[in-house]
Amino acid sequence: MVKKPMPVRCPACEGPLSVKALYCEACGTEVLGRFLPNEFALLPREHLDFLRLFVKTRGNLKEVERILGVSYPTVRARLDALLKALGYEAGEEEGDRLQVLEALRRGEISVEEAVARLRGGKS
């Protein structure tokens, strides 16, 4: 039997699903009740894939950057989004800094403007 990832959202109303039964494949025992999945089981696939890569690279963001072929600020933004999804909010100042760096990468602002914003704490 092919195993599929556990769904975490109701296909009818998009509400959160909860675990009601557990099954032992070795002996056939079933345990019924209401169980809370851990916070990682509730992550959307994009966050879970990023988390797997982050762990695989032992937290080396430069290696994650290389593997994904994206900029370092993009990797940091994805890490911040993962942390937020897990309930560990990134500091507002750090998020502002990443927005400035990403705007610079896209060519929306000049190097001088980026430096000024980073020094002044504006974005």
PDB file of N, CA and C in Angstrom:
ATOM      1  N   MET A   1       0.840  -1.174   0.000  1.00  0.00           N
ATOM      2  CA  MET A   1       0.000   0.000   0.000  1.00  0.00           C
ATOM      3  C   MET A   1       0.890   1.243   0.000  1.00  0.00           C
ATOM      4  N   VAL A   2       0.588   2.176  -0.884  1.00  0.00           N
ATOM      5  CA  VAL A   2       1.331   3.430  -0.959  1.00  0.00           C
ATOM      6  C   VAL A   2       0.830   4.361   0.135  1.00  0.00           C
ATOM      7  N   LYS A   3       1.755   4.909   0.916  1.00  0.00           N
ATOM      8  CA  LYS A   3       1.373   5.842   1.979  1.00  0.00           C
ATOM      9  C   LYS A   3       1.450   7.256   1.452  1.00  0.00           C
ATOM     10  N   LYS A   4       0.465   8.040   1.803  1.00  0.00           N
ATOM     11  CA  LYS A   4       0.395   9.430   1.392  1.00  0.00           C
ATOM     12  C   LYS A   4       0.562  10.310   2.620  1.00  0.00           C
ATOM     13  N   PRO A   5       0.994  11.564   2.417  1.00  0.00           N
ATOM     14  CA  PRO A   5       1.099  12.465   3.564  1.00  0.00           C
ATOM     15  C   PRO A   5      -0.270  12.684   4.201  1.00  0.00           C
ATOM     16  N   MET A   6      -0.265  12.855   5.504  1.00  0.00           N
ATOM     17  CA  MET A   6      -1.497  13.090   6.238  1.00  0.00           C
ATOM     18  C   MET A   6      -2.082  14.443   5.840  1.00  0.00           C
ATOM     19  N   PRO A   7      -3.348  14.475   5.415  1.00  0.00           N
ATOM     20  CA  PRO A   7      -3.948  15.779   5.123  1.00  0.00           C
ATOM     21  C   PRO A   7      -4.148  16.549   6.424  1.00  0.00           C
ATOM     22  N   VAL A   8      -4.003  17.852   6.365  1.00  0.00           N
ATOM     23  CA  VAL A   8      -4.178  18.673   7.568  1.00  0.00           C
ATOM     24  C   VAL A   8      -5.351  19.633   7.434  1.00  0.00           C
ATOM     25  N   ARG A   9      -5.927  19.734   6.220  1.00  0.00           N
ATOM     26  CA  ARG A   9      -7.079  20.606   5.972  1.00  0.00           C
ATOM     27  C   ARG A   9      -8.225  19.799   5.376  1.00  0.00           C
ATOM     28  N   CYS A  10      -9.436  20.118   5.789  1.00  0.00           N
ATOM     29  CA  CYS A  10     -10.639  19.469   5.269  1.00  0.00           C
ATOM     30  C   CYS A  10     -10.810  19.818   3.796  1.00  0.00           C
ATOM     31  N   PRO A  11     -11.011  18.809   2.939  1.00  0.00           N
ATOM     32  CA  PRO A  11     -11.192  19.109   1.511  1.00  0.00           C
ATOM     33  C   PRO A  11     -12.508  19.829   1.215  1.00  0.00           C
ATOM     34  N   ALA A  12     -13.462  19.780   2.124  1.00  0.00           N
ATOM     35  CA  ALA A  12     -14.757  20.423   1.884  1.00  0.00           C
ATOM     36  C   ALA A  12     -14.779  21.880   2.343  1.00  0.00           C
ATOM     37  N   CYS A  13     -14.237  22.157   3.542  1.00  0.00           N
ATOM     38  CA  CYS A  13     -14.369  23.514   4.089  1.00  0.00           C
ATOM     39  C   CYS A  13     -13.036  24.182   4.424  1.00  0.00           C
ATOM     40  N   GLU A  14     -11.921  23.473   4.222  1.00  0.00           N
ATOM     41  CA  GLU A  14     -10.572  23.981   4.519  1.00  0.00           C
ATOM     42  C   GLU A  14     -10.293  24.139   6.016  1.00  0.00           C
ATOM     43  N   GLY A  15     -11.184  23.624   6.852  1.00  0.00           N
ATOM     44  CA  GLY A  15     -10.950  23.666   8.303  1.00  0.00           C
ATOM     45  C   GLY A  15      -9.850  22.687   8.686  1.00  0.00           C
ATOM     46  N   PRO A  16      -9.246  22.885   9.873  1.00  0.00           N
ATOM     47  CA  PRO A  16      -8.173  21.971  10.289  1.00  0.00           C
ATOM     48  C   PRO A  16      -8.722  20.584  10.624  1.00  0.00           C
ATOM     49  N   LEU A  17      -8.007  19.564  10.180  1.00  0.00           N
ATOM     50  CA  LEU A  17      -8.376  18.190  10.517  1.00  0.00           C
ATOM     51  C   LEU A  17      -7.664  17.784  11.803  1.00  0.00           C
ATOM     52  N   SER A  18      -8.280  16.910  12.575  1.00  0.00           N
ATOM     53  CA  SER A  18      -7.622  16.376  13.767  1.00  0.00           C
ATOM     54  C   SER A  18      -7.506  14.866  13.619  1.00  0.00           C
ATOM     55  N   VAL A  19      -6.590  14.294  14.378  1.00  0.00           N
ATOM     56  CA  VAL A  19      -6.337  12.853  14.313  1.00  0.00           C
ATOM     57  C   VAL A  19      -7.274  12.163  15.294  1.00  0.00           C
ATOM     58  N   LYS A  20      -7.974  11.142  14.810  1.00  0.00           N
ATOM     59  CA  LYS A  20      -8.949  10.439  15.640  1.00  0.00           C
ATOM     60  C   LYS A  20      -8.572   8.982  15.890  1.00  0.00           C
ATOM     61  N   ALA A  21      -7.716   8.405  15.039  1.00  0.00           N
ATOM     62  CA  ALA A  21      -7.354   7.002  15.200  1.00  0.00           C
ATOM     63  C   ALA A  21      -5.897   6.790  14.824  1.00  0.00           C
ATOM     64  N   LEU A  22      -5.268   5.851  15.521  1.00  0.00           N
ATOM     65  CA  LEU A  22      -3.904   5.420  15.218  1.00  0.00           C
ATOM     66  C   LEU A  22      -3.945   3.908  15.022  1.00  0.00           C
ATOM     67  N   TYR A  23      -3.091   3.414  14.146  1.00  0.00           N
ATOM     68  CA  TYR A  23      -3.122   2.002  13.780  1.00  0.00           C
ATOM     69  C   TYR A  23      -1.712   1.439  13.764  1.00  0.00           C
ATOM     70  N   CYS A  24      -1.528   0.279  14.378  1.00  0.00           N
ATOM     71  CA  CYS A  24      -0.233  -0.409  14.373  1.00  0.00           C
ATOM     72  C   CYS A  24      -0.244  -1.439  13.251  1.00  0.00           C
ATOM     73  N   GLU A  25       0.633  -1.244  12.266  1.00  0.00           N
ATOM     74  CA  GLU A  25       0.695  -2.186  11.147  1.00  0.00           C
ATOM     75  C   GLU A  25       1.276  -3.532  11.561  1.00  0.00           C
ATOM     76  N   ALA A  26       2.070  -3.560  12.627  1.00  0.00           N
ATOM     77  CA  ALA A  26       2.701  -4.811  13.058  1.00  0.00           C
ATOM     78  C   ALA A  26       1.687  -5.786  13.662  1.00  0.00           C
ATOM     79  N   CYS A  27       0.772  -5.276  14.501  1.00  0.00           N
ATOM     80  CA  CYS A  27      -0.148  -6.195  15.185  1.00  0.00           C
ATOM     81  C   CYS A  27      -1.618  -5.906  14.938  1.00  0.00           C
ATOM     82  N   GLY A  28      -1.923  -4.802  14.264  1.00  0.00           N
ATOM     83  CA  GLY A  28      -3.311  -4.493  13.950  1.00  0.00           C
ATOM     84  C   GLY A  28      -4.053  -3.735  15.042  1.00  0.00           C
ATOM     85  N   THR A  29      -3.374  -3.363  16.099  1.00  0.00           N
ATOM     86  CA  THR A  29      -4.033  -2.614  17.171  1.00  0.00           C
ATOM     87  C   THR A  29      -4.459  -1.241  16.670  1.00  0.00           C
ATOM     88  N   GLU A  30      -5.670  -0.834  17.055  1.00  0.00           N
ATOM     89  CA  GLU A  30      -6.157   0.503  16.747  1.00  0.00           C
ATOM     90  C   GLU A  30      -6.397   1.242  18.046  1.00  0.00           C
ATOM     91  N   VAL A  31      -5.992   2.501  18.066  1.00  0.00           N
ATOM     92  CA  VAL A  31      -6.208   3.353  19.225  1.00  0.00           C
ATOM     93  C   VAL A  31      -7.085   4.505  18.762  1.00  0.00           C
ATOM     94  N   LEU A  32      -8.261   4.653  19.405  1.00  0.00           N
ATOM     95  CA  LEU A  32      -9.188   5.709  19.045  1.00  0.00           C
ATOM     96  C   LEU A  32      -9.168   6.792  20.105  1.00  0.00           C
ATOM     97  N   GLY A  33      -9.313   8.018  19.680  1.00  0.00           N
ATOM     98  CA  GLY A  33      -9.336   9.157  20.598  1.00  0.00           C
ATOM     99  C   GLY A  33      -9.159  10.440  19.808  1.00  0.00           C
ATOM    100  N   ARG A  34      -8.826  11.500  20.519  1.00  0.00           N
ATOM    101  CA  ARG A  34      -8.528  12.781  19.866  1.00  0.00           C
ATOM    102  C   ARG A  34      -7.083  13.104  20.146  1.00  0.00           C
ATOM    103  N   PHE A  35      -6.299  13.211  19.073  1.00  0.00           N
ATOM    104  CA  PHE A  35      -4.867  13.430  19.208  1.00  0.00           C
ATOM    105  C   PHE A  35      -4.466  14.696  18.465  1.00  0.00           C
ATOM    106  N   LEU A  36      -3.542  15.430  19.035  1.00  0.00           N
ATOM    107  CA  LEU A  36      -3.022  16.626  18.387  1.00  0.00           C
ATOM    108  C   LEU A  36      -1.770  16.266  17.608  1.00  0.00           C
ATOM    109  N   PRO A  37      -1.741  16.565  16.320  1.00  0.00           N
ATOM    110  CA  PRO A  37      -0.493  16.340  15.568  1.00  0.00           C
ATOM    111  C   PRO A  37       0.547  17.366  16.013  1.00  0.00           C
ATOM    112  N   ASN A  38       1.818  17.017  15.875  1.00  0.00           N
ATOM    113  CA  ASN A  38       2.851  17.980  16.246  1.00  0.00           C
ATOM    114  C   ASN A  38       2.866  19.135  15.253  1.00  0.00           C
ATOM    115  N   GLU A  39       3.545  20.212  15.629  1.00  0.00           N
ATOM    116  CA  GLU A  39       3.531  21.422  14.810  1.00  0.00           C
ATOM    117  C   GLU A  39       4.128  21.204  13.414  1.00  0.00           C
ATOM    118  N   PHE A  40       5.018  20.249  13.264  1.00  0.00           N
ATOM    119  CA  PHE A  40       5.619  19.985  11.959  1.00  0.00           C
ATOM    120  C   PHE A  40       4.633  19.295  11.025  1.00  0.00           C
ATOM    121  N   ALA A  41       3.764  18.467  11.570  1.00  0.00           N
ATOM    122  CA  ALA A  41       2.764  17.768  10.751  1.00  0.00           C
ATOM    123  C   ALA A  41       1.753  18.743  10.165  1.00  0.00           C
ATOM    124  N   LEU A  42       1.615  19.912  10.755  1.00  0.00           N
ATOM    125  CA  LEU A  42       0.639  20.896  10.302  1.00  0.00           C
ATOM    126  C   LEU A  42       1.202  21.890   9.291  1.00  0.00           C
ATOM    127  N   LEU A  43       2.489  21.783   9.008  1.00  0.00           N
ATOM    128  CA  LEU A  43       3.110  22.722   8.075  1.00  0.00           C
ATOM    129  C   LEU A  43       2.659  22.470   6.641  1.00  0.00           C
ATOM    130  N   PRO A  44       2.455  23.543   5.872  1.00  0.00           N
ATOM    131  CA  PRO A  44       2.201  23.343   4.438  1.00  0.00           C
ATOM    132  C   PRO A  44       3.426  22.705   3.786  1.00  0.00           C
ATOM    133  N   ARG A  45       3.227  22.045   2.683  1.00  0.00           N
ATOM    134  CA  ARG A  45       4.303  21.303   2.011  1.00  0.00           C
ATOM    135  C   ARG A  45       5.536  22.167   1.733  1.00  0.00           C
ATOM    136  N   GLU A  46       5.340  23.423   1.294  1.00  0.00           N
ATOM    137  CA  GLU A  46       6.473  24.291   0.973  1.00  0.00           C
ATOM    138  C   GLU A  46       7.363  24.525   2.194  1.00  0.00           C
ATOM    139  N   HIS A  47       6.737  24.712   3.364  1.00  0.00           N
ATOM    140  CA  HIS A  47       7.525  24.910   4.586  1.00  0.00           C
ATOM    141  C   HIS A  47       8.205  23.606   5.008  1.00  0.00           C
ATOM    142  N   LEU A  48       7.495  22.500   4.874  1.00  0.00           N
ATOM    143  CA  LEU A  48       8.067  21.205   5.253  1.00  0.00           C
ATOM    144  C   LEU A  48       9.249  20.850   4.362  1.00  0.00           C
ATOM    145  N   ASP A  49       9.127  21.112   3.061  1.00  0.00           N
ATOM    146  CA  ASP A  49      10.241  20.859   2.143  1.00  0.00           C
ATOM    147  C   ASP A  49      11.446  21.725   2.504  1.00  0.00           C
ATOM    148  N   PHE A  50      11.208  22.999   2.831  1.00  0.00           N
ATOM    149  CA  PHE A  50      12.300  23.886   3.224  1.00  0.00           C
ATOM    150  C   PHE A  50      12.942  23.391   4.516  1.00  0.00           C
ATOM    151  N   LEU A  51      12.125  22.970   5.478  1.00  0.00           N
ATOM    152  CA  LEU A  51      12.639  22.467   6.749  1.00  0.00           C
ATOM    153  C   LEU A  51      13.514  21.233   6.540  1.00  0.00           C
ATOM    154  N   ARG A  52      13.069  20.333   5.684  1.00  0.00           N
ATOM    155  CA  ARG A  52      13.872  19.137   5.385  1.00  0.00           C
ATOM    156  C   ARG A  52      15.232  19.519   4.799  1.00  0.00           C
ATOM    157  N   LEU A  53      15.228  20.463   3.857  1.00  0.00           N
ATOM    158  CA  LEU A  53      16.481  20.905   3.256  1.00  0.00           C
ATOM    159  C   LEU A  53      17.357  21.611   4.281  1.00  0.00           C
ATOM    160  N   PHE A  54      16.759  22.417   5.131  1.00  0.00           N
ATOM    161  CA  PHE A  54      17.492  23.134   6.177  1.00  0.00           C
ATOM    162  C   PHE A  54      18.188  22.137   7.119  1.00  0.00           C
ATOM    163  N   VAL A  55      17.472  21.104   7.509  1.00  0.00           N
ATOM    164  CA  VAL A  55      18.055  20.078   8.391  1.00  0.00           C
ATOM    165  C   VAL A  55      19.127  19.294   7.647  1.00  0.00           C
ATOM    166  N   LYS A  56      18.860  18.931   6.394  1.00  0.00           N
ATOM    167  CA  LYS A  56      19.821  18.168   5.590  1.00  0.00           C
ATOM    168  C   LYS A  56      21.141  18.917   5.448  1.00  0.00           C
ATOM    169  N   THR A  57      21.068  20.255   5.324  1.00  0.00           N
ATOM    170  CA  THR A  57      22.276  21.063   5.168  1.00  0.00           C
ATOM    171  C   THR A  57      22.826  21.521   6.521  1.00  0.00           C
ATOM    172  N   ARG A  58      22.267  20.959   7.591  1.00  0.00           N
ATOM    173  CA  ARG A  58      22.696  21.285   8.957  1.00  0.00           C
ATOM    174  C   ARG A  58      22.586  22.783   9.253  1.00  0.00           C
ATOM    175  N   GLY A  59      21.572  23.418   8.682  1.00  0.00           N
ATOM    176  CA  GLY A  59      21.319  24.826   8.945  1.00  0.00           C
ATOM    177  C   GLY A  59      22.213  25.789   8.193  1.00  0.00           C
ATOM    178  N   ASN A  60      22.936  25.306   7.204  1.00  0.00           N
ATOM    179  CA  ASN A  60      23.837  26.157   6.431  1.00  0.00           C
ATOM    180  C   ASN A  60      23.027  26.894   5.359  1.00  0.00           C
ATOM    181  N   LEU A  61      22.704  28.173   5.635  1.00  0.00           N
ATOM    182  CA  LEU A  61      21.860  28.928   4.723  1.00  0.00           C
ATOM    183  C   LEU A  61      22.521  29.165   3.366  1.00  0.00           C
ATOM    184  N   LYS A  62      23.831  29.282   3.341  1.00  0.00           N
ATOM    185  CA  LYS A  62      24.529  29.444   2.063  1.00  0.00           C
ATOM    186  C   LYS A  62      24.368  28.189   1.199  1.00  0.00           C
ATOM    187  N   GLU A  63      24.389  27.028   1.829  1.00  0.00           N
ATOM    188  CA  GLU A  63      24.194  25.774   1.089  1.00  0.00           C
ATOM    189  C   GLU A  63      22.746  25.668   0.599  1.00  0.00           C
ATOM    190  N   VAL A  64      21.793  26.080   1.438  1.00  0.00           N
ATOM    191  CA  VAL A  64      20.390  26.102   1.023  1.00  0.00           C
ATOM    192  C   VAL A  64      20.238  27.030  -0.180  1.00  0.00           C
ATOM    193  N   GLU A  65      20.883  28.197  -0.114  1.00  0.00           N
ATOM    194  CA  GLU A  65      20.865  29.163  -1.214  1.00  0.00           C
ATOM    195  C   GLU A  65      21.380  28.523  -2.499  1.00  0.00           C
ATOM    196  N   ARG A  66      22.498  27.805  -2.399  1.00  0.00           N
ATOM    197  CA  ARG A  66      23.099  27.170  -3.571  1.00  0.00           C
ATOM    198  C   ARG A  66      22.176  26.104  -4.156  1.00  0.00           C
ATOM    199  N   ILE A  67      21.614  25.257  -3.308  1.00  0.00           N
ATOM    200  CA  ILE A  67      20.762  24.158  -3.768  1.00  0.00           C
ATOM    201  C   ILE A  67      19.480  24.679  -4.419  1.00  0.00           C
ATOM    202  N   LEU A  68      18.868  25.686  -3.804  1.00  0.00           N
ATOM    203  CA  LEU A  68      17.616  26.216  -4.342  1.00  0.00           C
ATOM    204  C   LEU A  68      17.833  27.178  -5.510  1.00  0.00           C
ATOM    205  N   GLY A  69      19.054  27.696  -5.642  1.00  0.00           N
ATOM    206  CA  GLY A  69      19.340  28.641  -6.711  1.00  0.00           C
ATOM    207  C   GLY A  69      18.645  29.979  -6.528  1.00  0.00           C
ATOM    208  N   VAL A  70      18.511  30.394  -5.263  1.00  0.00           N
ATOM    209  CA  VAL A  70      17.885  31.686  -4.954  1.00  0.00           C
ATOM    210  C   VAL A  70      18.858  32.525  -4.139  1.00  0.00           C
ATOM    211  N   SER A  71      18.522  33.790  -3.946  1.00  0.00           N
ATOM    212  CA  SER A  71      19.402  34.693  -3.202  1.00  0.00           C
ATOM    213  C   SER A  71      19.356  34.396  -1.698  1.00  0.00           C
ATOM    214  N   TYR A  72      20.403  34.850  -1.024  1.00  0.00           N
ATOM    215  CA  TYR A  72      20.464  34.676   0.430  1.00  0.00           C
ATOM    216  C   TYR A  72      19.276  35.354   1.122  1.00  0.00           C
ATOM    217  N   PRO A  73      18.907  36.596   0.753  1.00  0.00           N
ATOM    218  CA  PRO A  73      17.725  37.194   1.387  1.00  0.00           C
ATOM    219  C   PRO A  73      16.451  36.379   1.174  1.00  0.00           C
ATOM    220  N   THR A  74      16.333  35.725   0.016  1.00  0.00           N
ATOM    221  CA  THR A  74      15.169  34.884  -0.235  1.00  0.00           C
ATOM    222  C   THR A  74      15.166  33.679   0.698  1.00  0.00           C
ATOM    223  N   VAL A  75      16.334  33.079   0.898  1.00  0.00           N
ATOM    224  CA  VAL A  75      16.445  31.949   1.830  1.00  0.00           C
ATOM    225  C   VAL A  75      16.074  32.402   3.235  1.00  0.00           C
ATOM    226  N   ARG A  76      16.593  33.555   3.649  1.00  0.00           N
ATOM    227  CA  ARG A  76      16.275  34.084   4.987  1.00  0.00           C
ATOM    228  C   ARG A  76      14.787  34.370   5.111  1.00  0.00           C
ATOM    229  N   ALA A  77      14.175  34.895   4.053  1.00  0.00           N
ATOM    230  CA  ALA A  77      12.741  35.177   4.091  1.00  0.00           C
ATOM    231  C   ALA A  77      11.945  33.874   4.234  1.00  0.00           C
ATOM    232  N   ARG A  78      12.387  32.822   3.553  1.00  0.00           N
ATOM    233  CA  ARG A  78      11.704  31.528   3.667  1.00  0.00           C
ATOM    234  C   ARG A  78      11.875  30.946   5.058  1.00  0.00           C
ATOM    235  N   LEU A  79      13.060  31.117   5.638  1.00  0.00           N
ATOM    236  CA  LEU A  79      13.279  30.654   7.009  1.00  0.00           C
ATOM    237  C   LEU A  79      12.397  31.434   7.971  1.00  0.00           C
ATOM    238  N   ASP A  80      12.306  32.747   7.787  1.00  0.00           N
ATOM    239  CA  ASP A  80      11.447  33.556   8.647  1.00  0.00           C
ATOM    240  C   ASP A  80       9.983  33.143   8.509  1.00  0.00           C
ATOM    241  N   ALA A  81       9.552  32.835   7.281  1.00  0.00           N
ATOM    242  CA  ALA A  81       8.170  32.382   7.066  1.00  0.00           C
ATOM    243  C   ALA A  81       7.922  31.048   7.765  1.00  0.00           C
ATOM    244  N   LEU A  82       8.915  30.156   7.717  1.00  0.00           N
ATOM    245  CA  LEU A  82       8.810  28.872   8.415  1.00  0.00           C
ATOM    246  C   LEU A  82       8.700  29.096   9.917  1.00  0.00           C
ATOM    247  N   LEU A  83       9.557  29.950  10.451  1.00  0.00           N
ATOM    248  CA  LEU A  83       9.526  30.237  11.886  1.00  0.00           C
ATOM    249  C   LEU A  83       8.183  30.835  12.292  1.00  0.00           C
ATOM    250  N   LYS A  84       7.658  31.716  11.467  1.00  0.00           N
ATOM    251  CA  LYS A  84       6.356  32.321  11.751  1.00  0.00           C
ATOM    252  C   LYS A  84       5.266  31.252  11.750  1.00  0.00           C
ATOM    253  N   ALA A  85       5.313  30.339  10.776  1.00  0.00           N
ATOM    254  CA  ALA A  85       4.319  29.258  10.695  1.00  0.00           C
ATOM    255  C   ALA A  85       4.373  28.360  11.924  1.00  0.00           C
ATOM    256  N   LEU A  86       5.572  28.233  12.510  1.00  0.00           N
ATOM    257  CA  LEU A  86       5.731  27.418  13.710  1.00  0.00           C
ATOM    258  C   LEU A  86       5.428  28.201  14.992  1.00  0.00           C
ATOM    259  N   GLY A  87       5.132  29.495  14.836  1.00  0.00           N
ATOM    260  CA  GLY A  87       4.813  30.311  15.999  1.00  0.00           C
ATOM    261  C   GLY A  87       6.004  31.036  16.592  1.00  0.00           C
ATOM    262  N   TYR A  88       7.136  31.010  15.923  1.00  0.00           N
ATOM    263  CA  TYR A  88       8.331  31.706  16.379  1.00  0.00           C
ATOM    264  C   TYR A  88       8.530  32.914  15.483  1.00  0.00           C
ATOM    265  N   GLU A  89       7.863  34.001  15.799  1.00  0.00           N
ATOM    266  CA  GLU A  89       7.916  35.211  14.968  1.00  0.00           C
ATOM    267  C   GLU A  89       9.329  35.750  14.899  1.00  0.00           C
ATOM    268  N   ALA A  90       9.758  36.117  13.677  1.00  0.00           N
ATOM    269  CA  ALA A  90      11.037  36.796  13.509  1.00  0.00           C
ATOM    270  C   ALA A  90      10.862  38.233  13.944  1.00  0.00           C
ATOM    271  N   GLY A  91      11.937  38.839  14.417  1.00  0.00           N
ATOM    272  CA  GLY A  91      11.878  40.230  14.832  1.00  0.00           C
ATOM    273  C   GLY A  91      11.485  41.125  13.669  1.00  0.00           C
ATOM    274  N   GLU A  92      10.693  42.154  13.939  1.00  0.00           N
ATOM    275  CA  GLU A  92      10.234  43.060  12.890  1.00  0.00           C
ATOM    276  C   GLU A  92      11.415  43.732  12.205  1.00  0.00           C
ATOM    277  N   GLU A  93      12.435  44.089  12.980  1.00  0.00           N
ATOM    278  CA  GLU A  93      13.603  44.754  12.408  1.00  0.00           C
ATOM    279  C   GLU A  93      14.309  43.843  11.400  1.00  0.00           C
ATOM    280  N   GLU A  94      14.410  42.563  11.713  1.00  0.00           N
ATOM    281  CA  GLU A  94      15.054  41.611  10.799  1.00  0.00           C
ATOM    282  C   GLU A  94      14.265  41.491   9.510  1.00  0.00           C
ATOM    283  N   GLY A  95      12.934  41.462   9.623  1.00  0.00           N
ATOM    284  CA  GLY A  95      12.095  41.390   8.437  1.00  0.00           C
ATOM    285  C   GLY A  95      12.253  42.626   7.565  1.00  0.00           C
ATOM    286  N   ASP A  96      12.355  43.795   8.185  1.00  0.00           N
ATOM    287  CA  ASP A  96      12.564  45.032   7.434  1.00  0.00           C
ATOM    288  C   ASP A  96      13.897  44.987   6.695  1.00  0.00           C
ATOM    289  N   ARG A  97      14.920  44.513   7.358  1.00  0.00           N
ATOM    290  CA  ARG A  97      16.254  44.427   6.760  1.00  0.00           C
ATOM    291  C   ARG A  97      16.226  43.515   5.531  1.00  0.00           C
ATOM    292  N   LEU A  98      15.537  42.390   5.644  1.00  0.00           N
ATOM    293  CA  LEU A  98      15.440  41.461   4.523  1.00  0.00           C
ATOM    294  C   LEU A  98      14.660  42.065   3.360  1.00  0.00           C
ATOM    295  N   GLN A  99      13.638  42.855   3.658  1.00  0.00           N
ATOM    296  CA  GLN A  99      12.880  43.504   2.597  1.00  0.00           C
ATOM    297  C   GLN A  99      13.756  44.489   1.829  1.00  0.00           C
ATOM    298  N   VAL A 100      14.606  45.230   2.559  1.00  0.00           N
ATOM    299  CA  VAL A 100      15.519  46.183   1.910  1.00  0.00           C
ATOM    300  C   VAL A 100      16.492  45.425   1.005  1.00  0.00           C
ATOM    301  N   LEU A 101      17.070  44.340   1.521  1.00  0.00           N
ATOM    302  CA  LEU A 101      18.028  43.573   0.732  1.00  0.00           C
ATOM    303  C   LEU A 101      17.376  42.945  -0.499  1.00  0.00           C
ATOM    304  N   GLU A 102      16.149  42.494  -0.351  1.00  0.00           N
ATOM    305  CA  GLU A 102      15.452  41.896  -1.488  1.00  0.00           C
ATOM    306  C   GLU A 102      15.116  42.965  -2.533  1.00  0.00           C
ATOM    307  N   ALA A 103      14.729  44.160  -2.083  1.00  0.00           N
ATOM    308  CA  ALA A 103      14.456  45.264  -3.011  1.00  0.00           C
ATOM    309  C   ALA A 103      15.732  45.643  -3.760  1.00  0.00           C
ATOM    310  N   LEU A 104      16.859  45.628  -3.066  1.00  0.00           N
ATOM    311  CA  LEU A 104      18.143  45.914  -3.702  1.00  0.00           C
ATOM    312  C   LEU A 104      18.461  44.845  -4.745  1.00  0.00           C
ATOM    313  N   ARG A 105      18.260  43.580  -4.404  1.00  0.00           N
ATOM    314  CA  ARG A 105      18.534  42.480  -5.325  1.00  0.00           C
ATOM    315  C   ARG A 105      17.702  42.602  -6.597  1.00  0.00           C
ATOM    316  N   ARG A 106      16.446  43.021  -6.446  1.00  0.00           N
ATOM    317  CA  ARG A 106      15.561  43.157  -7.607  1.00  0.00           C
ATOM    318  C   ARG A 106      15.834  44.433  -8.402  1.00  0.00           C
ATOM    319  N   GLY A 107      16.722  45.287  -7.884  1.00  0.00           N
ATOM    320  CA  GLY A 107      17.054  46.523  -8.586  1.00  0.00           C
ATOM    321  C   GLY A 107      16.043  47.631  -8.375  1.00  0.00           C
ATOM    322  N   GLU A 108      15.182  47.489  -7.380  1.00  0.00           N
ATOM    323  CA  GLU A 108      14.160  48.500  -7.124  1.00  0.00           C
ATOM    324  C   GLU A 108      14.724  49.727  -6.414  1.00  0.00           C
ATOM    325  N   ILE A 109      15.837  49.549  -5.700  1.00  0.00           N
ATOM    326  CA  ILE A 109      16.491  50.667  -5.010  1.00  0.00           C
ATOM    327  C   ILE A 109      17.987  50.593  -5.286  1.00  0.00           C
ATOM    328  N   SER A 110      18.646  51.726  -5.103  1.00  0.00           N
ATOM    329  CA  SER A 110      20.093  51.788  -5.333  1.00  0.00           C
ATOM    330  C   SER A 110      20.836  51.289  -4.095  1.00  0.00           C
ATOM    331  N   VAL A 111      22.122  51.019  -4.257  1.00  0.00           N
ATOM    332  CA  VAL A 111      22.953  50.603  -3.133  1.00  0.00           C
ATOM    333  C   VAL A 111      22.946  51.688  -2.069  1.00  0.00           C
ATOM    334  N   GLU A 112      23.067  52.947  -2.498  1.00  0.00           N
ATOM    335  CA  GLU A 112      23.086  54.061  -1.552  1.00  0.00           C
ATOM    336  C   GLU A 112      21.791  54.126  -0.746  1.00  0.00           C
ATOM    337  N   GLU A 113      20.659  53.937  -1.433  1.00  0.00           N
ATOM    338  CA  GLU A 113      19.373  53.968  -0.738  1.00  0.00           C
ATOM    339  C   GLU A 113      19.251  52.797   0.236  1.00  0.00           C
ATOM    340  N   ALA A 114      19.734  51.619  -0.174  1.00  0.00           N
ATOM    341  CA  ALA A 114      19.697  50.460   0.714  1.00  0.00           C
ATOM    342  C   ALA A 114      20.528  50.713   1.965  1.00  0.00           C
ATOM    343  N   VAL A 115      21.732  51.264   1.787  1.00  0.00           N
ATOM    344  CA  VAL A 115      22.600  51.566   2.935  1.00  0.00           C
ATOM    345  C   VAL A 115      21.915  52.566   3.860  1.00  0.00           C
ATOM    346  N   ALA A 116      21.319  53.598   3.271  1.00  0.00           N
ATOM    347  CA  ALA A 116      20.639  54.600   4.081  1.00  0.00           C
ATOM    348  C   ALA A 116      19.485  53.998   4.866  1.00  0.00           C
ATOM    349  N   ARG A 117      18.711  53.143   4.212  1.00  0.00           N
ATOM    350  CA  ARG A 117      17.576  52.502   4.898  1.00  0.00           C
ATOM    351  C   ARG A 117      18.051  51.563   6.004  1.00  0.00           C
ATOM    352  N   LEU A 118      19.114  50.813   5.722  1.00  0.00           N
ATOM    353  CA  LEU A 118      19.623  49.882   6.732  1.00  0.00           C
ATOM    354  C   LEU A 118      20.195  50.643   7.934  1.00  0.00           C
ATOM    355  N   ARG A 119      20.866  51.735   7.684  1.00  0.00           N
ATOM    356  CA  ARG A 119      21.410  52.543   8.787  1.00  0.00           C
ATOM    357  C   ARG A 119      20.333  53.257   9.558  1.00  0.00           C
ATOM    358  N   GLY A 120      19.315  53.713   8.839  1.00  0.00           N
ATOM    359  CA  GLY A 120      18.244  54.466   9.485  1.00  0.00           C
ATOM    360  C   GLY A 120      17.113  53.605  10.004  1.00  0.00           C
ATOM    361  N   GLY A 121      17.180  52.320   9.664  1.00  0.00           N
ATOM    362  CA  GLY A 121      16.125  51.403  10.107  1.00  0.00           C
ATOM    363  C   GLY A 121      14.825  51.565   9.354  1.00  0.00           C
ATOM    364  N   LYS A 122      14.865  52.221   8.164  1.00  0.00           N
ATOM    365  CA  LYS A 122      13.656  52.424   7.357  1.00  0.00           C
ATOM    366  C   LYS A 122      13.620  51.416   6.217  1.00  0.00           C
ATOM    367  N   SER A 123      12.391  51.133   5.729  1.00  0.00           N
ATOM    368  CA  SER A 123      12.279  50.305   4.517  1.00  0.00           C
ATOM    369  C   SER A 123      11.156  50.719   3.645  1.00  0.00           C
TER     370      SER A 123
END
